[in-house]
Amino acid sequence: MPEIIFNGPDGRLEGRYHKAQNPEAPIAIVLHPNPLQGGNMNNRIVYILYNTFVEYGFSVMRFNFRGVGRSQGVFDNGFGELSDAAYAFDWIQQFNPNSPFCWIGGYSFGALIAMQLMMRRPEIEGFVAVSPPANTEDFSFLAPCPSSGLLVSGDNDQHVPGESVTKLVQKLRTQKNITIDHSIIKGADHFYQEKTDLLDTEVNKYLKASLAAREPAPSAE
């Protein structure tokens, strides 16, 4: 997967980019966990999300937020990181002008930033949010949530208790015109230790079903 360096709002940003062979492939970006806890684009769960989008024919980018790896700048408590994500999204859109639709994915802090970006970019029509920090962050900005998506949580998560994600899911499900799926991984902690295969299966299953639902029904003879 090619390494890329692109201009961000506060200096250069480092990423990895997979270009699909189909010029009309959908696009997606995947966002990593909190840099203050060692989060970066090579996180195992970020890679699982990235690779799943690749498998389903997307052009996909993952990148390091400001101050991480070779990305310039310093951590900005989510404000600058949201701007970084917007610049990354602009970059992948620029190089995929014929893309028919867009998705976004994120893990933990990255899930929060992903859902914030979704509120600002109406062309994003689907999301995968793994362990969004619903216990410490206010997700009331999702009013209304503009897109259907999948939330994944572990029932043994010490950092983001499963019940906080369940409450967020219940709140989102009261909104109209979207469908919110929730996969609970039994025995999974915040890092999905020894449970990444189950996480991979759930994300694959959801993405497969969502893309199949977009396909037009065969016409009757």
N, C-alpha and C. Protein backbone atom coordinates (compact mmCIF):
# COMPACT_ATOMS: atom_id res chain seq x y z
N MET A 1 0.85 -1.18 0.00
CA MET A 1 0.00 0.00 0.00
C MET A 1 0.89 1.23 0.00
N PRO A 2 0.67 2.14 -0.93
CA PRO A 2 1.57 3.29 -1.05
C PRO A 2 1.52 4.21 0.17
N GLU A 3 2.70 4.68 0.55
CA GLU A 3 2.78 5.73 1.56
C GLU A 3 2.50 7.06 0.89
N ILE A 4 1.76 7.91 1.56
CA ILE A 4 1.47 9.23 1.01
C ILE A 4 1.77 10.29 2.07
N ILE A 5 2.14 11.46 1.60
CA ILE A 5 2.28 12.65 2.42
C ILE A 5 1.40 13.72 1.79
N PHE A 6 0.47 14.28 2.54
CA PHE A 6 -0.41 15.29 1.98
C PHE A 6 -0.49 16.47 2.93
N ASN A 7 -0.89 17.60 2.40
CA ASN A 7 -0.96 18.81 3.20
C ASN A 7 -2.19 18.80 4.09
N GLY A 8 -1.97 19.07 5.38
CA GLY A 8 -3.05 19.22 6.33
C GLY A 8 -3.19 20.67 6.74
N PRO A 9 -4.08 20.94 7.66
CA PRO A 9 -4.30 22.33 8.08
C PRO A 9 -3.17 22.90 8.92
N ASP A 10 -2.29 22.02 9.46
CA ASP A 10 -1.23 22.48 10.33
C ASP A 10 0.10 21.83 9.97
N GLY A 11 0.28 21.55 8.67
CA GLY A 11 1.50 20.91 8.21
C GLY A 11 1.21 19.61 7.48
N ARG A 12 2.25 18.91 7.11
CA ARG A 12 2.11 17.69 6.34
C ARG A 12 1.60 16.53 7.21
N LEU A 13 0.80 15.68 6.59
CA LEU A 13 0.25 14.50 7.26
C LEU A 13 0.69 13.25 6.52
N GLU A 14 0.95 12.20 7.29
CA GLU A 14 1.42 10.93 6.75
C GLU A 14 0.28 9.93 6.68
N GLY A 15 0.17 9.22 5.56
CA GLY A 15 -0.90 8.25 5.45
C GLY A 15 -0.50 7.03 4.63
N ARG A 16 -1.42 6.10 4.55
CA ARG A 16 -1.33 4.94 3.66
C ARG A 16 -2.60 4.91 2.84
N TYR A 17 -2.45 4.62 1.57
CA TYR A 17 -3.58 4.75 0.64
C TYR A 17 -3.63 3.55 -0.29
N HIS A 18 -4.81 2.95 -0.37
CA HIS A 18 -5.07 1.89 -1.35
C HIS A 18 -6.00 2.44 -2.42
N LYS A 19 -5.54 2.40 -3.66
CA LYS A 19 -6.33 2.86 -4.80
C LYS A 19 -6.98 1.66 -5.47
N ALA A 20 -8.30 1.62 -5.48
CA ALA A 20 -9.01 0.52 -6.13
C ALA A 20 -8.82 0.59 -7.65
N GLN A 21 -8.85 -0.55 -8.31
CA GLN A 21 -8.69 -0.56 -9.76
C GLN A 21 -9.87 0.08 -10.47
N ASN A 22 -11.05 -0.07 -9.90
CA ASN A 22 -12.26 0.50 -10.50
C ASN A 22 -12.26 2.02 -10.30
N PRO A 23 -12.28 2.80 -11.38
CA PRO A 23 -12.27 4.26 -11.22
C PRO A 23 -13.54 4.80 -10.59
N GLU A 24 -14.58 3.97 -10.53
CA GLU A 24 -15.83 4.39 -9.90
C GLU A 24 -16.04 3.68 -8.56
N ALA A 25 -14.95 3.33 -7.91
CA ALA A 25 -15.04 2.67 -6.61
C ALA A 25 -15.47 3.67 -5.53
N PRO A 26 -16.18 3.21 -4.52
CA PRO A 26 -16.48 4.07 -3.38
C PRO A 26 -15.20 4.39 -2.61
N ILE A 27 -15.27 5.37 -1.73
CA ILE A 27 -14.10 5.76 -0.95
C ILE A 27 -14.40 5.68 0.54
N ALA A 28 -13.33 5.56 1.33
CA ALA A 28 -13.47 5.54 2.79
C ALA A 28 -12.17 6.01 3.42
N ILE A 29 -12.28 6.63 4.61
CA ILE A 29 -11.11 6.89 5.43
C ILE A 29 -11.36 6.25 6.79
N VAL A 30 -10.25 5.88 7.45
CA VAL A 30 -10.31 5.22 8.75
C VAL A 30 -9.43 6.00 9.73
N LEU A 31 -9.97 6.29 10.91
CA LEU A 31 -9.32 7.16 11.88
C LEU A 31 -8.88 6.39 13.12
N HIS A 32 -7.69 6.75 13.62
CA HIS A 32 -7.07 5.96 14.69
C HIS A 32 -7.38 6.49 16.09
N PRO A 33 -7.05 5.70 17.12
CA PRO A 33 -7.33 6.08 18.52
C PRO A 33 -6.49 7.27 18.98
N ASN A 34 -6.73 7.67 20.23
CA ASN A 34 -6.12 8.85 20.81
C ASN A 34 -4.58 8.75 20.81
N PRO A 35 -3.92 9.73 20.20
CA PRO A 35 -2.45 9.71 20.19
C PRO A 35 -1.84 9.74 21.57
N LEU A 36 -2.51 10.34 22.54
CA LEU A 36 -1.96 10.42 23.89
C LEU A 36 -1.89 9.05 24.56
N GLN A 37 -2.64 8.09 24.02
CA GLN A 37 -2.57 6.70 24.51
C GLN A 37 -1.85 5.80 23.51
N GLY A 38 -1.06 6.41 22.62
CA GLY A 38 -0.27 5.63 21.68
C GLY A 38 -1.00 5.28 20.39
N GLY A 39 -2.14 5.89 20.13
CA GLY A 39 -2.88 5.59 18.92
C GLY A 39 -2.17 6.07 17.67
N ASN A 40 -2.19 5.25 16.63
CA ASN A 40 -1.63 5.63 15.33
C ASN A 40 -2.30 4.81 14.24
N MET A 41 -1.97 5.12 13.00
CA MET A 41 -2.66 4.50 11.87
C MET A 41 -2.34 3.02 11.70
N ASN A 42 -1.30 2.53 12.39
CA ASN A 42 -0.94 1.11 12.30
C ASN A 42 -1.57 0.28 13.41
N ASN A 43 -2.46 0.87 14.17
CA ASN A 43 -3.21 0.14 15.18
C ASN A 43 -3.91 -1.07 14.54
N ARG A 44 -3.93 -2.16 15.26
CA ARG A 44 -4.47 -3.42 14.71
C ARG A 44 -5.93 -3.27 14.27
N ILE A 45 -6.74 -2.61 15.07
CA ILE A 45 -8.16 -2.49 14.75
C ILE A 45 -8.37 -1.53 13.58
N VAL A 46 -7.58 -0.47 13.54
CA VAL A 46 -7.63 0.44 12.39
C VAL A 46 -7.30 -0.33 11.12
N TYR A 47 -6.30 -1.20 11.19
CA TYR A 47 -5.93 -1.97 10.01
C TYR A 47 -7.03 -2.94 9.60
N ILE A 48 -7.71 -3.54 10.56
CA ILE A 48 -8.83 -4.43 10.24
C ILE A 48 -9.91 -3.67 9.48
N LEU A 49 -10.27 -2.47 9.96
CA LEU A 49 -11.28 -1.67 9.26
C LEU A 49 -10.80 -1.30 7.86
N TYR A 50 -9.57 -0.85 7.78
CA TYR A 50 -8.98 -0.46 6.50
C TYR A 50 -9.01 -1.63 5.51
N ASN A 51 -8.56 -2.77 5.97
CA ASN A 51 -8.47 -3.93 5.08
C ASN A 51 -9.84 -4.43 4.65
N THR A 52 -10.83 -4.31 5.52
CA THR A 52 -12.18 -4.73 5.16
C THR A 52 -12.73 -3.85 4.04
N PHE A 53 -12.52 -2.55 4.13
CA PHE A 53 -12.94 -1.67 3.04
C PHE A 53 -12.21 -2.03 1.74
N VAL A 54 -10.92 -2.36 1.83
CA VAL A 54 -10.17 -2.79 0.65
C VAL A 54 -10.81 -4.02 0.02
N GLU A 55 -11.14 -5.00 0.87
CA GLU A 55 -11.72 -6.25 0.38
C GLU A 55 -13.02 -6.03 -0.37
N TYR A 56 -13.76 -5.01 0.01
CA TYR A 56 -15.04 -4.74 -0.64
C TYR A 56 -14.95 -3.68 -1.72
N GLY A 57 -13.73 -3.46 -2.21
CA GLY A 57 -13.58 -2.67 -3.42
C GLY A 57 -13.47 -1.17 -3.25
N PHE A 58 -13.26 -0.70 -2.03
CA PHE A 58 -13.13 0.73 -1.80
C PHE A 58 -11.71 1.21 -2.10
N SER A 59 -11.58 2.48 -2.47
CA SER A 59 -10.32 3.18 -2.33
C SER A 59 -10.29 3.73 -0.89
N VAL A 60 -9.22 3.44 -0.17
CA VAL A 60 -9.22 3.68 1.28
C VAL A 60 -7.94 4.37 1.72
N MET A 61 -8.09 5.26 2.70
CA MET A 61 -6.94 5.89 3.34
C MET A 61 -7.02 5.75 4.85
N ARG A 62 -5.87 5.50 5.45
CA ARG A 62 -5.71 5.71 6.88
C ARG A 62 -4.51 6.64 7.04
N PHE A 63 -4.49 7.44 8.09
CA PHE A 63 -3.40 8.41 8.23
C PHE A 63 -3.15 8.70 9.70
N ASN A 64 -2.00 9.30 9.97
CA ASN A 64 -1.66 9.71 11.32
C ASN A 64 -2.13 11.13 11.57
N PHE A 65 -2.87 11.31 12.66
CA PHE A 65 -3.23 12.66 13.06
C PHE A 65 -1.96 13.48 13.33
N ARG A 66 -2.14 14.78 13.40
CA ARG A 66 -1.03 15.70 13.68
C ARG A 66 -0.22 15.27 14.91
N GLY A 67 1.10 15.35 14.74
CA GLY A 67 2.00 15.00 15.85
C GLY A 67 2.27 13.52 16.02
N VAL A 68 1.71 12.69 15.15
CA VAL A 68 1.90 11.24 15.26
C VAL A 68 2.76 10.77 14.08
N GLY A 69 3.76 9.93 14.37
CA GLY A 69 4.62 9.44 13.29
C GLY A 69 5.30 10.59 12.57
N ARG A 70 5.14 10.63 11.27
CA ARG A 70 5.76 11.68 10.46
C ARG A 70 4.81 12.85 10.19
N SER A 71 3.65 12.84 10.82
CA SER A 71 2.70 13.95 10.65
C SER A 71 3.14 15.13 11.51
N GLN A 72 3.11 16.30 10.91
CA GLN A 72 3.53 17.50 11.62
C GLN A 72 2.42 18.04 12.52
N GLY A 73 2.81 18.91 13.46
CA GLY A 73 1.84 19.52 14.36
C GLY A 73 1.86 18.87 15.73
N VAL A 74 0.94 19.30 16.58
CA VAL A 74 0.83 18.76 17.94
C VAL A 74 -0.63 18.43 18.22
N PHE A 75 -0.83 17.52 19.15
CA PHE A 75 -2.19 17.08 19.52
C PHE A 75 -3.05 18.28 19.91
N ASP A 76 -4.31 18.28 19.47
CA ASP A 76 -5.18 19.45 19.67
C ASP A 76 -6.52 19.07 20.30
N ASN A 77 -6.55 18.00 21.08
CA ASN A 77 -7.75 17.63 21.85
C ASN A 77 -8.99 17.42 20.99
N GLY A 78 -8.78 17.02 19.77
CA GLY A 78 -9.91 16.68 18.89
C GLY A 78 -10.27 17.77 17.91
N PHE A 79 -10.00 19.02 18.23
CA PHE A 79 -10.38 20.11 17.33
C PHE A 79 -9.55 20.08 16.05
N GLY A 80 -8.24 20.07 16.21
CA GLY A 80 -7.36 20.00 15.05
C GLY A 80 -7.45 18.67 14.34
N GLU A 81 -7.69 17.61 15.11
CA GLU A 81 -7.79 16.28 14.50
C GLU A 81 -9.00 16.19 13.58
N LEU A 82 -10.08 16.86 13.94
CA LEU A 82 -11.24 16.91 13.05
C LEU A 82 -10.88 17.62 11.75
N SER A 83 -10.12 18.69 11.85
CA SER A 83 -9.65 19.39 10.65
C SER A 83 -8.74 18.48 9.82
N ASP A 84 -7.86 17.72 10.50
CA ASP A 84 -7.01 16.77 9.78
C ASP A 84 -7.85 15.78 8.98
N ALA A 85 -8.90 15.26 9.61
CA ALA A 85 -9.76 14.28 8.95
C ALA A 85 -10.46 14.91 7.74
N ALA A 86 -10.87 16.16 7.87
CA ALA A 86 -11.53 16.84 6.75
C ALA A 86 -10.56 17.01 5.58
N TYR A 87 -9.31 17.33 5.86
CA TYR A 87 -8.31 17.47 4.80
C TYR A 87 -8.04 16.11 4.15
N ALA A 88 -7.99 15.06 4.95
CA ALA A 88 -7.80 13.71 4.40
C ALA A 88 -8.95 13.33 3.49
N PHE A 89 -10.14 13.69 3.91
CA PHE A 89 -11.32 13.38 3.10
C PHE A 89 -11.29 14.17 1.80
N ASP A 90 -10.89 15.43 1.87
CA ASP A 90 -10.75 16.23 0.65
C ASP A 90 -9.74 15.60 -0.30
N TRP A 91 -8.64 15.10 0.27
CA TRP A 91 -7.58 14.51 -0.56
C TRP A 91 -8.09 13.28 -1.31
N ILE A 92 -8.76 12.38 -0.60
CA ILE A 92 -9.21 11.15 -1.26
C ILE A 92 -10.33 11.44 -2.25
N GLN A 93 -11.15 12.44 -1.97
CA GLN A 93 -12.19 12.83 -2.94
C GLN A 93 -11.56 13.42 -4.19
N GLN A 94 -10.52 14.20 -4.02
CA GLN A 94 -9.85 14.83 -5.16
C GLN A 94 -9.31 13.79 -6.13
N PHE A 95 -8.79 12.70 -5.59
CA PHE A 95 -8.19 11.67 -6.43
C PHE A 95 -9.18 10.58 -6.84
N ASN A 96 -10.43 10.73 -6.44
CA ASN A 96 -11.47 9.78 -6.82
C ASN A 96 -12.73 10.54 -7.21
N PRO A 97 -12.66 11.37 -8.26
CA PRO A 97 -13.79 12.25 -8.60
C PRO A 97 -15.03 11.51 -9.05
N ASN A 98 -14.87 10.24 -9.45
CA ASN A 98 -16.02 9.48 -9.94
C ASN A 98 -16.60 8.54 -8.87
N SER A 99 -16.14 8.70 -7.64
CA SER A 99 -16.65 7.84 -6.57
C SER A 99 -18.14 8.07 -6.34
N PRO A 100 -18.94 7.00 -6.31
CA PRO A 100 -20.39 7.18 -6.16
C PRO A 100 -20.86 7.43 -4.73
N PHE A 101 -20.07 6.99 -3.73
CA PHE A 101 -20.47 7.22 -2.34
C PHE A 101 -19.27 7.06 -1.42
N CYS A 102 -19.43 7.50 -0.18
CA CYS A 102 -18.32 7.58 0.78
C CYS A 102 -18.73 6.96 2.11
N TRP A 103 -17.75 6.34 2.77
CA TRP A 103 -17.93 5.81 4.11
C TRP A 103 -16.82 6.32 5.01
N ILE A 104 -17.00 6.13 6.31
CA ILE A 104 -15.97 6.50 7.26
C ILE A 104 -15.94 5.47 8.38
N GLY A 105 -14.74 5.25 8.91
CA GLY A 105 -14.60 4.32 10.02
C GLY A 105 -13.66 4.89 11.06
N GLY A 106 -13.80 4.43 12.30
CA GLY A 106 -12.91 4.90 13.35
C GLY A 106 -13.00 4.02 14.57
N TYR A 107 -11.93 4.07 15.35
CA TYR A 107 -11.84 3.27 16.57
C TYR A 107 -11.56 4.19 17.75
N SER A 108 -12.40 4.10 18.80
CA SER A 108 -12.26 4.85 20.03
C SER A 108 -12.27 6.35 19.74
N PHE A 109 -11.22 7.09 20.07
CA PHE A 109 -11.14 8.52 19.74
C PHE A 109 -11.40 8.75 18.25
N GLY A 110 -10.89 7.85 17.42
CA GLY A 110 -11.12 7.96 15.97
C GLY A 110 -12.58 7.82 15.60
N ALA A 111 -13.33 7.03 16.36
CA ALA A 111 -14.77 6.90 16.10
C ALA A 111 -15.49 8.21 16.40
N LEU A 112 -15.07 8.89 17.48
CA LEU A 112 -15.65 10.19 17.80
C LEU A 112 -15.40 11.19 16.68
N ILE A 113 -14.16 11.28 16.22
CA ILE A 113 -13.83 12.22 15.15
C ILE A 113 -14.56 11.85 13.87
N ALA A 114 -14.67 10.57 13.59
CA ALA A 114 -15.38 10.11 12.38
C ALA A 114 -16.83 10.58 12.39
N MET A 115 -17.49 10.45 13.53
CA MET A 115 -18.90 10.82 13.60
C MET A 115 -19.07 12.34 13.59
N GLN A 116 -18.09 13.07 14.11
CA GLN A 116 -18.13 14.52 14.00
C GLN A 116 -17.97 14.95 12.54
N LEU A 117 -17.05 14.31 11.83
CA LEU A 117 -16.86 14.64 10.41
C LEU A 117 -18.10 14.33 9.60
N MET A 118 -18.76 13.24 9.94
CA MET A 118 -19.97 12.85 9.23
C MET A 118 -21.04 13.93 9.29
N MET A 119 -21.09 14.68 10.38
CA MET A 119 -22.07 15.75 10.52
C MET A 119 -21.77 16.91 9.58
N ARG A 120 -20.52 17.01 9.16
CA ARG A 120 -20.10 18.13 8.31
C ARG A 120 -20.01 17.76 6.85
N ARG A 121 -20.08 16.48 6.55
CA ARG A 121 -19.91 16.03 5.17
C ARG A 121 -21.10 15.16 4.79
N PRO A 122 -22.13 15.75 4.21
CA PRO A 122 -23.36 15.01 3.92
C PRO A 122 -23.18 13.89 2.91
N GLU A 123 -22.07 13.89 2.18
CA GLU A 123 -21.86 12.81 1.20
C GLU A 123 -21.47 11.50 1.85
N ILE A 124 -21.13 11.52 3.15
CA ILE A 124 -20.82 10.27 3.86
C ILE A 124 -22.14 9.54 4.14
N GLU A 125 -22.26 8.35 3.60
CA GLU A 125 -23.55 7.66 3.74
C GLU A 125 -23.50 6.43 4.63
N GLY A 126 -22.34 6.13 5.18
CA GLY A 126 -22.27 4.98 6.09
C GLY A 126 -21.06 5.10 6.99
N PHE A 127 -21.13 4.45 8.17
CA PHE A 127 -20.02 4.52 9.10
C PHE A 127 -19.88 3.23 9.89
N VAL A 128 -18.66 2.99 10.36
CA VAL A 128 -18.37 1.92 11.30
C VAL A 128 -17.61 2.55 12.47
N ALA A 129 -18.21 2.52 13.65
CA ALA A 129 -17.62 3.14 14.84
C ALA A 129 -17.34 2.04 15.86
N VAL A 130 -16.07 1.78 16.13
CA VAL A 130 -15.67 0.74 17.07
C VAL A 130 -15.33 1.38 18.41
N SER A 131 -16.03 0.96 19.45
CA SER A 131 -15.82 1.46 20.81
C SER A 131 -15.80 2.98 20.90
N PRO A 132 -16.83 3.65 20.39
CA PRO A 132 -16.87 5.11 20.53
C PRO A 132 -16.94 5.49 22.00
N PRO A 133 -16.21 6.51 22.45
CA PRO A 133 -16.12 6.84 23.87
C PRO A 133 -17.38 7.52 24.41
N ALA A 134 -18.46 6.77 24.41
CA ALA A 134 -19.77 7.32 24.78
C ALA A 134 -19.87 7.63 26.26
N ASN A 135 -18.94 7.13 27.07
CA ASN A 135 -18.98 7.39 28.51
C ASN A 135 -18.32 8.71 28.88
N THR A 136 -17.42 9.22 28.04
CA THR A 136 -16.68 10.43 28.39
C THR A 136 -16.95 11.60 27.44
N GLU A 137 -17.52 11.31 26.27
CA GLU A 137 -17.75 12.36 25.28
C GLU A 137 -19.24 12.54 25.04
N ASP A 138 -19.60 13.76 24.68
CA ASP A 138 -21.00 14.09 24.43
C ASP A 138 -21.31 13.89 22.94
N PHE A 139 -22.14 12.92 22.64
CA PHE A 139 -22.50 12.64 21.25
C PHE A 139 -23.83 13.28 20.85
N SER A 140 -24.26 14.27 21.63
CA SER A 140 -25.53 14.93 21.31
C SER A 140 -25.47 15.71 20.00
N PHE A 141 -24.26 15.89 19.47
CA PHE A 141 -24.16 16.56 18.17
C PHE A 141 -24.80 15.73 17.05
N LEU A 142 -25.03 14.45 17.29
CA LEU A 142 -25.69 13.59 16.31
C LEU A 142 -27.19 13.79 16.37
N ALA A 143 -27.61 15.00 16.06
CA ALA A 143 -29.02 15.37 16.16
C ALA A 143 -29.43 16.22 14.97
N PRO A 144 -29.95 15.59 13.93
CA PRO A 144 -30.05 14.13 13.80
C PRO A 144 -28.78 13.51 13.23
N CYS A 145 -28.62 12.23 13.46
CA CYS A 145 -27.53 11.47 12.84
C CYS A 145 -27.86 11.34 11.36
N PRO A 146 -26.96 11.76 10.47
CA PRO A 146 -27.32 11.83 9.05
C PRO A 146 -27.23 10.52 8.29
N SER A 147 -26.60 9.50 8.86
CA SER A 147 -26.33 8.28 8.10
C SER A 147 -26.54 7.04 8.95
N SER A 148 -26.88 5.96 8.28
CA SER A 148 -26.94 4.67 8.95
C SER A 148 -25.52 4.17 9.21
N GLY A 149 -25.40 3.26 10.17
CA GLY A 149 -24.07 2.74 10.45
C GLY A 149 -24.06 1.64 11.48
N LEU A 150 -22.85 1.18 11.79
CA LEU A 150 -22.62 0.10 12.74
C LEU A 150 -21.78 0.62 13.90
N LEU A 151 -22.25 0.35 15.12
CA LEU A 151 -21.44 0.56 16.32
C LEU A 151 -21.05 -0.79 16.88
N VAL A 152 -19.79 -0.92 17.25
CA VAL A 152 -19.28 -2.17 17.81
C VAL A 152 -18.75 -1.88 19.21
N SER A 153 -19.04 -2.76 20.16
CA SER A 153 -18.53 -2.61 21.51
C SER A 153 -18.23 -3.97 22.11
N GLY A 154 -17.37 -3.97 23.11
CA GLY A 154 -17.07 -5.19 23.84
C GLY A 154 -17.77 -5.18 25.19
N ASP A 155 -18.24 -6.33 25.64
CA ASP A 155 -18.96 -6.36 26.92
C ASP A 155 -18.02 -6.48 28.12
N ASN A 156 -16.70 -6.45 27.86
CA ASN A 156 -15.73 -6.47 28.95
C ASN A 156 -14.76 -5.30 28.81
N ASP A 157 -15.27 -4.20 28.26
CA ASP A 157 -14.45 -3.01 28.00
C ASP A 157 -14.31 -2.19 29.28
N GLN A 158 -13.08 -2.06 29.78
CA GLN A 158 -12.82 -1.31 31.01
C GLN A 158 -12.77 0.19 30.77
N HIS A 159 -12.54 0.60 29.53
CA HIS A 159 -12.39 2.02 29.21
C HIS A 159 -13.69 2.64 28.74
N VAL A 160 -14.45 1.92 27.93
CA VAL A 160 -15.74 2.39 27.44
C VAL A 160 -16.77 1.32 27.80
N PRO A 161 -17.41 1.43 28.96
CA PRO A 161 -18.38 0.40 29.37
C PRO A 161 -19.44 0.17 28.31
N GLY A 162 -19.75 -1.10 28.10
CA GLY A 162 -20.69 -1.45 27.05
C GLY A 162 -22.04 -0.77 27.17
N GLU A 163 -22.48 -0.54 28.42
CA GLU A 163 -23.81 0.07 28.59
C GLU A 163 -23.85 1.50 28.07
N SER A 164 -22.71 2.20 28.07
CA SER A 164 -22.70 3.57 27.55
C SER A 164 -22.89 3.57 26.04
N VAL A 165 -22.30 2.58 25.37
CA VAL A 165 -22.50 2.47 23.92
C VAL A 165 -23.93 2.05 23.63
N THR A 166 -24.47 1.15 24.44
CA THR A 166 -25.86 0.72 24.25
C THR A 166 -26.82 1.89 24.38
N LYS A 167 -26.59 2.78 25.34
CA LYS A 167 -27.44 3.95 25.50
C LYS A 167 -27.35 4.87 24.28
N LEU A 168 -26.13 5.02 23.75
CA LEU A 168 -25.97 5.83 22.54
C LEU A 168 -26.74 5.21 21.37
N VAL A 169 -26.63 3.90 21.23
CA VAL A 169 -27.36 3.21 20.16
C VAL A 169 -28.86 3.42 20.31
N GLN A 170 -29.36 3.28 21.51
CA GLN A 170 -30.80 3.45 21.74
C GLN A 170 -31.25 4.85 21.38
N LYS A 171 -30.43 5.84 21.72
CA LYS A 171 -30.77 7.23 21.39
C LYS A 171 -30.80 7.44 19.88
N LEU A 172 -29.81 6.90 19.20
CA LEU A 172 -29.75 7.06 17.74
C LEU A 172 -30.90 6.34 17.06
N ARG A 173 -31.32 5.23 17.62
CA ARG A 173 -32.39 4.45 16.99
C ARG A 173 -33.75 5.13 17.08
N THR A 174 -33.87 6.18 17.89
CA THR A 174 -35.13 6.93 17.94
C THR A 174 -35.27 7.88 16.75
N GLN A 175 -34.20 8.07 16.01
CA GLN A 175 -34.23 8.99 14.89
C GLN A 175 -34.78 8.32 13.64
N LYS A 176 -35.34 9.12 12.78
CA LYS A 176 -35.99 8.59 11.59
C LYS A 176 -35.02 8.52 10.41
N ASN A 177 -35.36 7.64 9.49
CA ASN A 177 -34.69 7.55 8.18
C ASN A 177 -33.27 7.00 8.23
N ILE A 178 -32.86 6.46 9.35
CA ILE A 178 -31.57 5.78 9.43
C ILE A 178 -31.75 4.46 10.16
N THR A 179 -30.79 3.56 9.96
CA THR A 179 -30.78 2.28 10.67
C THR A 179 -29.44 2.13 11.37
N ILE A 180 -29.49 1.91 12.68
CA ILE A 180 -28.27 1.77 13.47
C ILE A 180 -28.15 0.33 13.95
N ASP A 181 -27.09 -0.34 13.53
CA ASP A 181 -26.79 -1.69 13.97
C ASP A 181 -25.80 -1.63 15.14
N HIS A 182 -25.88 -2.62 16.02
CA HIS A 182 -24.99 -2.67 17.18
C HIS A 182 -24.51 -4.10 17.37
N SER A 183 -23.22 -4.29 17.24
CA SER A 183 -22.62 -5.60 17.47
C SER A 183 -21.87 -5.58 18.79
N ILE A 184 -22.25 -6.48 19.69
CA ILE A 184 -21.59 -6.60 20.99
C ILE A 184 -20.71 -7.85 20.95
N ILE A 185 -19.40 -7.65 21.13
CA ILE A 185 -18.46 -8.75 21.09
C ILE A 185 -18.29 -9.31 22.51
N LYS A 186 -18.74 -10.53 22.72
CA LYS A 186 -18.68 -11.13 24.05
C LYS A 186 -17.24 -11.36 24.47
N GLY A 187 -16.95 -10.93 25.70
CA GLY A 187 -15.64 -11.13 26.27
C GLY A 187 -14.57 -10.15 25.80
N ALA A 188 -14.94 -9.21 24.94
CA ALA A 188 -13.95 -8.30 24.37
C ALA A 188 -13.69 -7.12 25.29
N ASP A 189 -12.40 -6.81 25.49
CA ASP A 189 -12.03 -5.60 26.21
C ASP A 189 -11.89 -4.46 25.20
N HIS A 190 -11.35 -3.34 25.66
CA HIS A 190 -11.25 -2.16 24.78
C HIS A 190 -10.33 -2.41 23.59
N PHE A 191 -9.38 -3.32 23.78
CA PHE A 191 -8.39 -3.57 22.73
C PHE A 191 -8.70 -4.82 21.91
N TYR A 192 -9.81 -5.46 22.23
CA TYR A 192 -10.27 -6.66 21.52
C TYR A 192 -9.19 -7.74 21.50
N GLN A 193 -8.48 -7.86 22.61
CA GLN A 193 -7.45 -8.88 22.71
C GLN A 193 -8.07 -10.27 22.56
N GLU A 194 -7.52 -11.03 21.65
CA GLU A 194 -7.98 -12.38 21.32
C GLU A 194 -9.40 -12.39 20.77
N LYS A 195 -9.92 -11.22 20.40
CA LYS A 195 -11.28 -11.14 19.85
C LYS A 195 -11.29 -10.39 18.51
N THR A 196 -10.11 -10.11 17.96
CA THR A 196 -10.09 -9.34 16.71
C THR A 196 -10.72 -10.11 15.55
N ASP A 197 -10.67 -11.45 15.62
CA ASP A 197 -11.31 -12.22 14.57
C ASP A 197 -12.82 -12.04 14.60
N LEU A 198 -13.39 -11.92 15.79
CA LEU A 198 -14.83 -11.69 15.90
C LEU A 198 -15.19 -10.29 15.43
N LEU A 199 -14.36 -9.33 15.77
CA LEU A 199 -14.57 -7.96 15.29
C LEU A 199 -14.53 -7.94 13.76
N ASP A 200 -13.53 -8.57 13.20
CA ASP A 200 -13.39 -8.64 11.74
C ASP A 200 -14.63 -9.24 11.11
N THR A 201 -15.14 -10.32 11.70
CA THR A 201 -16.34 -10.99 11.16
C THR A 201 -17.55 -10.06 11.19
N GLU A 202 -17.74 -9.34 12.28
CA GLU A 202 -18.90 -8.45 12.40
C GLU A 202 -18.84 -7.30 11.40
N VAL A 203 -17.67 -6.71 11.23
CA VAL A 203 -17.53 -5.60 10.28
C VAL A 203 -17.74 -6.11 8.86
N ASN A 204 -17.14 -7.26 8.54
CA ASN A 204 -17.34 -7.85 7.21
C ASN A 204 -18.81 -8.11 6.93
N LYS A 205 -19.49 -8.70 7.89
CA LYS A 205 -20.90 -9.04 7.72
C LYS A 205 -21.74 -7.79 7.48
N TYR A 206 -21.46 -6.75 8.25
CA TYR A 206 -22.24 -5.52 8.11
C TYR A 206 -21.98 -4.85 6.77
N LEU A 207 -20.72 -4.76 6.40
CA LEU A 207 -20.40 -4.08 5.14
C LEU A 207 -20.96 -4.85 3.94
N LYS A 208 -20.88 -6.16 3.99
CA LYS A 208 -21.42 -6.97 2.91
C LYS A 208 -22.92 -6.74 2.76
N ALA A 209 -23.65 -6.76 3.88
CA ALA A 209 -25.10 -6.57 3.83
C ALA A 209 -25.46 -5.15 3.36
N SER A 210 -24.71 -4.16 3.82
CA SER A 210 -25.01 -2.77 3.46
C SER A 210 -24.79 -2.53 1.98
N LEU A 211 -23.71 -3.09 1.43
CA LEU A 211 -23.44 -2.89 0.01
C LEU A 211 -24.44 -3.66 -0.84
N ALA A 212 -24.83 -4.84 -0.37
CA ALA A 212 -25.84 -5.61 -1.11
C ALA A 212 -27.17 -4.86 -1.17
N ALA A 213 -27.49 -4.15 -0.10
CA ALA A 213 -28.76 -3.41 -0.06
C ALA A 213 -28.75 -2.24 -1.02
N ARG A 214 -27.56 -1.77 -1.41
CA ARG A 214 -27.47 -0.66 -2.36
C ARG A 214 -27.71 -1.13 -3.79
N GLU A 215 -27.50 -2.41 -4.03
CA GLU A 215 -27.63 -2.91 -5.40
C GLU A 215 -29.09 -2.84 -5.85
N PRO A 216 -29.34 -2.40 -7.07
CA PRO A 216 -30.72 -2.35 -7.55
C PRO A 216 -31.30 -3.75 -7.69
N ALA A 217 -32.58 -3.87 -7.38
CA ALA A 217 -33.26 -5.18 -7.50
C ALA A 217 -33.31 -5.58 -8.97
N PRO A 218 -33.13 -6.88 -9.24
CA PRO A 218 -33.19 -7.31 -10.64
C PRO A 218 -34.57 -7.06 -11.22
N SER A 219 -34.61 -6.61 -12.44
CA SER A 219 -35.88 -6.29 -13.10
C SER A 219 -36.60 -7.57 -13.51
N ALA A 220 -37.90 -7.54 -13.40
CA ALA A 220 -38.71 -8.71 -13.77
C ALA A 220 -38.74 -8.85 -15.28
N GLU A 221 -38.65 -10.06 -15.75
CA GLU A 221 -38.72 -10.33 -17.18
C GLU A 221 -40.17 -10.21 -17.66
